[in-house]
Each structure stands twice: as structure tokens, then as C-alpha cells.
Protein backbone atom coordinates (compact mmCIF):
# COMPACT_ATOMS: atom_id res chain seq x y z
CA MET A 1 -134.45 54.05 -120.06
CA ARG A 2 -137.34 56.24 -121.01
CA VAL A 3 -138.24 59.63 -119.43
CA VAL A 4 -141.89 60.74 -119.56
CA ASN A 5 -143.72 63.84 -118.26
CA LEU A 6 -146.88 62.40 -116.66
CA ARG A 7 -148.81 65.70 -116.74
CA ASN A 8 -148.98 65.81 -120.52
CA ASN A 9 -147.71 62.31 -121.44
CA MET A 10 -144.81 63.81 -123.41
CA VAL A 11 -141.67 61.72 -123.87
CA LEU A 12 -138.58 63.71 -122.94
CA ALA A 13 -136.11 60.93 -123.79
CA GLU A 14 -136.21 57.43 -125.26
CA LYS A 15 -132.53 56.69 -124.65
CA ALA A 16 -131.60 57.81 -121.15
CA ARG A 17 -128.65 56.44 -119.26
CA ILE A 18 -127.91 56.79 -115.58
CA ALA A 19 -124.72 58.09 -113.98
CA ASP A 20 -124.91 56.86 -110.40
CA THR A 21 -121.28 56.40 -109.41
CA PHE A 22 -118.83 59.11 -108.44
CA PHE A 23 -116.77 58.58 -111.58
CA SER A 24 -119.73 58.49 -113.99
CA ARG A 25 -121.19 61.67 -112.45
CA VAL A 26 -117.83 63.49 -112.65
CA ILE A 27 -117.42 62.57 -116.33
CA GLY A 28 -121.11 63.23 -117.12
CA LEU A 29 -121.27 64.67 -120.63
CA LEU A 30 -117.66 65.85 -120.78
CA ASN A 31 -116.72 63.17 -123.30
CA ARG A 32 -119.60 64.13 -125.63
CA SER A 33 -119.84 66.77 -128.34
CA SER A 34 -123.66 66.81 -128.18
CA LEU A 35 -126.78 65.06 -126.96
CA GLU A 36 -128.94 63.78 -129.77
CA GLU A 37 -132.72 64.20 -129.77
CA GLY A 38 -134.21 61.53 -127.52
CA GLU A 39 -131.06 61.11 -125.40
CA ALA A 40 -130.64 62.05 -121.73
CA LEU A 41 -128.21 61.62 -118.87
CA ILE A 42 -129.61 61.06 -115.37
CA LEU A 43 -127.30 62.08 -112.52
CA SER A 44 -128.16 60.41 -109.24
CA PRO A 45 -127.81 61.60 -106.57
CA ALA A 46 -127.46 65.28 -107.45
CA LYS A 47 -128.64 68.63 -106.08
CA CYS A 48 -126.63 70.85 -108.43
CA ILE A 49 -124.48 70.54 -111.53
CA HIS A 50 -121.70 72.31 -113.37
CA SER A 51 -120.95 72.54 -117.06
CA PHE A 52 -117.23 73.27 -116.88
CA PHE A 53 -115.42 72.01 -120.00
CA MET A 54 -118.67 70.98 -121.73
CA ARG A 55 -118.93 71.79 -125.42
CA PHE A 56 -122.67 72.38 -125.77
CA THR A 57 -125.79 73.82 -124.13
CA ILE A 58 -128.30 71.53 -122.39
CA ASP A 59 -131.69 71.66 -120.69
CA THR A 60 -131.80 70.38 -117.12
CA ILE A 61 -134.53 69.15 -114.79
CA PHE A 62 -134.08 68.69 -111.04
CA LEU A 63 -136.41 66.08 -109.49
CA ASP A 64 -137.21 65.25 -105.89
CA LYS A 65 -137.57 61.67 -104.62
CA THR A 66 -141.17 61.46 -105.86
CA GLY A 67 -140.30 62.58 -109.41
CA LYS A 68 -141.69 66.09 -108.96
CA VAL A 69 -139.84 68.83 -110.86
CA VAL A 70 -138.29 71.15 -108.26
CA GLY A 71 -136.03 73.07 -110.63
CA ILE A 72 -135.48 73.65 -114.33
CA LEU A 73 -132.63 75.28 -116.19
CA PRO A 74 -133.38 75.65 -119.88
CA SER A 75 -130.42 76.37 -122.15
CA PHE A 76 -127.77 75.76 -119.47
CA LYS A 77 -124.56 76.94 -121.13
CA PRO A 78 -121.00 75.60 -120.77
CA PHE A 79 -118.80 76.87 -117.92
CA ARG A 80 -121.66 77.53 -115.49
CA ILE A 81 -122.64 76.31 -112.01
CA SER A 82 -126.30 75.67 -111.25
CA PRO A 83 -128.05 76.79 -108.10
CA ILE A 84 -128.33 74.15 -105.38
CA TYR A 85 -131.80 72.63 -105.28
CA PHE A 86 -131.93 71.26 -101.75
CA LYS A 87 -135.10 69.23 -102.43
CA ALA A 88 -133.59 67.60 -105.53
CA ASN A 89 -132.62 63.95 -105.60
CA LEU A 90 -131.50 63.70 -109.21
CA VAL A 91 -130.90 65.73 -112.34
CA ILE A 92 -131.85 64.92 -115.92
CA GLU A 93 -129.70 66.50 -118.62
CA LEU A 94 -131.42 66.79 -122.01
CA PRO A 95 -130.76 68.30 -125.44
CA GLU A 96 -131.38 72.03 -125.60
CA ASN A 97 -135.03 73.00 -126.32
CA THR A 98 -136.44 69.72 -124.93
CA LEU A 99 -138.16 71.56 -122.07
CA GLN A 100 -139.82 73.99 -124.47
CA LEU A 101 -140.86 71.28 -126.95
CA THR A 102 -142.36 69.06 -124.23
CA LYS A 103 -143.83 71.98 -122.25
CA THR A 104 -142.17 70.68 -119.09
CA ARG A 105 -142.48 73.03 -116.11
CA LEU A 106 -142.09 73.23 -112.35
CA ALA A 107 -144.27 70.83 -110.31
CA ASP A 108 -144.72 68.38 -113.21
CA THR A 109 -144.16 64.72 -112.36
CA ILE A 110 -141.52 62.89 -114.37
CA LYS A 111 -141.38 59.10 -114.65
CA ILE A 112 -138.23 57.20 -115.48
CA GLU A 113 -139.02 53.74 -116.81
């Protein structure tokens, strides 16, 4: 799957995978030592996340059902709990600095294709 910011046509990820079962969401990125450039994990459904037992920092985007960015957490460190974004439908976890490099911000529209 590909993740694109429609406001500026920037590609956030070329190799995104979806975690849409209870088990796949619980495991998330716990079995990884990093996310490579161009990779992403999409958690659906999700309104918040945790990074307990993760080994690396990530950027996160919270999207509503229309793909609008309703929350961002750049440089989300291990052993943290995110705020709850009640309007969120899913979360995209990306390599650290992806949000800065792609200039992704609140209210942008993200397309997953």
C-alpha cells in the first residue's frame, strides 16, 4: 500500500501494511528493530497508541474516516501512551522525521492506495 499527502502530493510511504485484527494491532511494531524509509504500519481501527517495549522512535498520524489528519505525534518515543483522538479512525506509524520531511500537518488529507 502507498500513503500520500494530497495537499502537497508527497509520498509518506511506498510500503505500508495494515494491522486490522486484534492480534496484529497488539503486536504492531514490537517485533521490529526499526522502520525503514518508505515503510509504514496502519493500525485500524485506532484512536490512541502505546509504544511500550518498542525499540525505536516513530512519527504518527491519526486520521478520521475521511482521511483528514486529526492528530500528529512527531518523534513518538518508546514507553509512551498517546492522547486519545476521539475523531480518529486509524493511525499511521512512520519512520521518525517523515512528518517533517513531507511537511505533513493537521487538517491535511491523506490517501491510502
